[in-house]
Structures are given as C-alpha cells and as structure tokens.
C-alpha cells in the first residue's frame, strides 16, 4: 500500500511563496512596461506601428504568465485547505465508527 504524507504547512507555504513570486513578476513587468512606454516617444510611422503591435503582444503574454503563476499559487493553497478538510472529515468518520463500536460492545456486556 502506498502511503501519502502531506506536510500541509509546507504546501500552504509553497502556495504563498508562488503567489508572492506572481506579485514580484507583476511588479517587474509593470516596470518594464513603463520603460518601454517611455522609450516610445519619438517613434513615428511604420516603426511606431510595429513597436505598438509588439508592445500589445508583450502585454498579453505577460498578463497570461502572471495569471498562470498566480493561479498556481492559489491552487497550492486551495489544495492544502481541501486536503485538511478531507482529513478532518475522515478523522470524524473514524471517530464515529469507534463510538458506535464501543456502544455495541457495552450493550453486549
């Protein structure tokens, strides 16, 4: 039989860490976006159009990346919470079985 050991605090901590990384990533991308926007001044014609199109693609890609990392962080934290809730339910079910068994045993004596 396979034994699954889950360190809930570590799982929750990992989720918080990944969420923090998503925030750092968002801050870094915002800074880069601001620098690129500042560099756009003075561009004209076809060059400006190409640069604007590239910036729009970068923005879409960076938002998707940040969203994916943030979702992963939240999913880790959610997994820890769901696992803890399931373990509590299983523990209660076992406790209920023990109480029922004790009740039956005491009725026989």
Protein backbone atom coordinates (compact mmCIF):
# COMPACT_ATOMS: atom_id res chain seq x y z
CA UNK A 1 0.00 0.00 0.00
CA UNK A 2 1.28 3.45 -0.88
CA UNK A 3 1.48 5.96 1.94
CA UNK A 4 0.93 9.59 1.10
CA UNK A 5 2.44 12.02 3.57
CA UNK A 6 1.43 15.63 3.07
CA UNK A 7 3.00 18.46 5.03
CA UNK A 8 0.09 20.89 4.95
CA UNK A 9 2.08 23.80 6.34
CA UNK A 10 4.76 23.30 3.68
CA UNK A 11 2.13 23.06 0.94
CA UNK A 12 0.47 26.25 2.17
CA UNK A 13 3.86 27.96 2.47
CA UNK A 14 4.73 26.94 -1.09
CA UNK A 15 1.44 28.39 -2.30
CA UNK A 16 2.12 31.68 -0.54
CA UNK A 17 5.65 31.73 -1.97
CA UNK A 18 4.41 31.18 -5.53
CA UNK A 19 1.75 33.87 -5.05
CA UNK A 20 4.49 36.23 -3.88
CA UNK A 21 6.51 35.36 -6.97
CA UNK A 22 3.50 36.28 -9.11
CA UNK A 23 3.31 39.66 -7.37
CA UNK A 24 7.04 40.22 -7.93
CA UNK A 25 6.64 39.24 -11.57
CA UNK A 26 3.74 41.68 -11.97
CA UNK A 27 5.84 44.47 -10.46
CA UNK A 28 8.78 43.69 -12.75
CA UNK A 29 6.57 43.58 -15.84
CA UNK A 30 4.92 46.87 -14.88
CA UNK A 31 8.34 48.46 -14.53
CA UNK A 32 9.40 47.08 -17.92
CA UNK A 33 6.13 48.26 -19.50
CA UNK A 34 6.72 51.76 -18.13
CA UNK A 35 10.27 51.82 -19.53
CA UNK A 36 9.09 50.62 -22.94
CA UNK A 37 6.30 53.19 -22.96
CA UNK A 38 8.79 55.94 -22.12
CA UNK A 39 11.03 54.72 -24.96
CA UNK A 40 8.17 55.00 -27.46
CA UNK A 41 8.39 58.79 -27.51
CA UNK A 42 9.68 59.98 -30.81
CA UNK A 43 8.90 56.85 -32.82
CA UNK A 44 6.84 57.60 -35.93
CA UNK A 45 5.29 55.93 -38.93
CA UNK A 46 5.74 52.23 -39.59
CA UNK A 47 8.29 51.88 -36.80
CA UNK A 48 5.82 53.21 -34.26
CA UNK A 49 3.09 50.89 -35.56
CA UNK A 50 5.36 47.84 -35.35
CA UNK A 51 6.52 48.81 -31.86
CA UNK A 52 2.93 49.34 -30.68
CA UNK A 53 1.90 45.94 -32.06
CA UNK A 54 4.87 44.27 -30.34
CA UNK A 55 4.08 46.00 -27.05
CA UNK A 56 0.47 44.81 -27.24
CA UNK A 57 1.67 41.21 -27.74
CA UNK A 58 4.11 41.52 -24.86
CA UNK A 59 1.37 42.87 -22.61
CA UNK A 60 -0.95 39.97 -23.46
CA UNK A 61 1.82 37.42 -22.92
CA UNK A 62 2.96 38.95 -19.63
CA UNK A 63 -0.61 39.10 -18.29
CA UNK A 64 -1.11 35.43 -19.17
CA UNK A 65 2.16 34.48 -17.50
CA UNK A 66 1.40 36.42 -14.33
CA UNK A 67 -2.12 34.99 -14.22
CA UNK A 68 -0.82 31.45 -14.62
CA UNK A 69 1.74 31.81 -11.83
CA UNK A 70 -0.85 33.44 -9.55
CA UNK A 71 -3.37 30.68 -10.31
CA UNK A 72 -0.75 28.07 -9.45
CA UNK A 73 -0.06 29.73 -6.09
CA UNK A 74 -3.74 29.89 -5.23
CA UNK A 75 -4.21 26.27 -6.35
CA UNK A 76 -1.47 25.09 -3.98
CA UNK A 77 -3.08 26.92 -1.08
CA UNK A 78 -6.52 25.61 -2.04
CA UNK A 79 -5.17 22.06 -2.26
CA UNK A 80 -3.80 22.34 1.28
CA UNK A 81 -7.15 23.61 2.58
CA UNK A 82 -9.12 20.90 0.77
CA UNK A 83 -6.75 18.18 1.96
CA UNK A 84 -7.03 19.39 5.56
CA UNK A 85 -10.84 19.43 5.33
CA UNK A 86 -10.92 15.92 3.85
CA UNK A 87 -8.60 14.63 6.57
CA UNK A 88 -10.81 16.19 9.25
CA UNK A 89 -13.89 14.51 7.73
CA UNK A 90 -12.12 11.14 7.60
CA UNK A 91 -10.95 11.51 11.20
CA UNK A 92 -14.51 12.30 12.29
CA UNK A 93 -15.86 9.29 10.37
CA UNK A 94 -13.34 7.02 12.11
CA UNK A 95 -14.22 8.54 15.48
CA UNK A 96 -17.91 7.88 14.77
CA UNK A 97 -17.14 4.24 13.95
CA UNK A 98 -15.18 3.90 17.20
CA UNK A 99 -18.06 5.37 19.23
CA UNK A 100 -20.55 3.04 17.55
CA UNK A 101 -18.29 0.03 18.18
CA UNK A 102 -17.86 0.99 21.84
CA UNK A 103 -21.64 1.37 22.19
CA UNK A 104 -22.25 -2.08 20.72
CA UNK A 105 -19.57 -3.62 22.88
CA UNK A 106 -21.04 -2.11 26.05
CA UNK A 107 -24.53 -3.41 25.14
CA UNK A 108 -23.16 -6.96 24.92
CA UNK A 109 -21.78 -6.83 28.48
